[in-house]
């Protein structure tokens, strides 16, 4: 697959967050972190559009994750 070069402008806070996430996930590069984040977002959208719910369990308590920043295709 042919690669295309993209350039994004981020403020210092966003760059710091990207670098912290890259380190926490052991991703080798910022680009790889962004690629994996896009894959995760695509999977999440695909699954929720098919009616799935995302759940988080902490200390035996389960709650549904709500993403108010997107709408489902229906």
Foldseek 3Di string as FASTA:
>chain_A
DDDDDDDDDDDPVVVVVLVVVCVVVVPPDSVVVVVVVVVVVVVVLVQVLVPDWDWDDDPNDIDTDDDPVDDHDD
